[in-house]
Amino acid sequence: MAEPARMLEAEADDCAVRLVHPDRVGAARARALPDHEVDHLTELFRLLSDRTRLRIVAALVEAGELCVCDLAAVVGAPETSVSHALRLLRMAGIVRNRREGRMVFYAVDDHHVRLVLDLAVEHLRHGAEA
């Protein structure tokens, strides 16, 4: 019985016409992101898809600048995990560090990181309201 339902579902997904809006397809292709930018964005979202790393970025957005031990206390993770996450985020250009004597402080690299996080949270909350 499940087989006919699957066939109908597959048929509904198939287009009867290959290009319904060729002008829109052409415009979208012309404005498509270059492969290298898609690769960088994929890496950015992959990095932010980890709970600890996302919590670190959110903490830095709110606090401005924190050291590893303070970040570990905020996100509830071991300092070694936070240190490893910060290294990945720094190599990706999401956070930057500043040395003050023996202490190293971390902050988001620029205001765009805050914008990405703020927009994602706004989108999430908007969907929850609907």
Foldseek 3Di string as FASTA:
>chain_A
DVVVVVVVVVVVPDDPDPDPDVVVVVVCVVPPDDPVVVVLVVLVVVLCVDLLLVQLQVVQLVPVKDFLVVSCVRSVHDSVVSVVSVVSCVVSQQKDWDDDPPTIMIHGNDCVSVVVVVVVVVVVVVVVVD
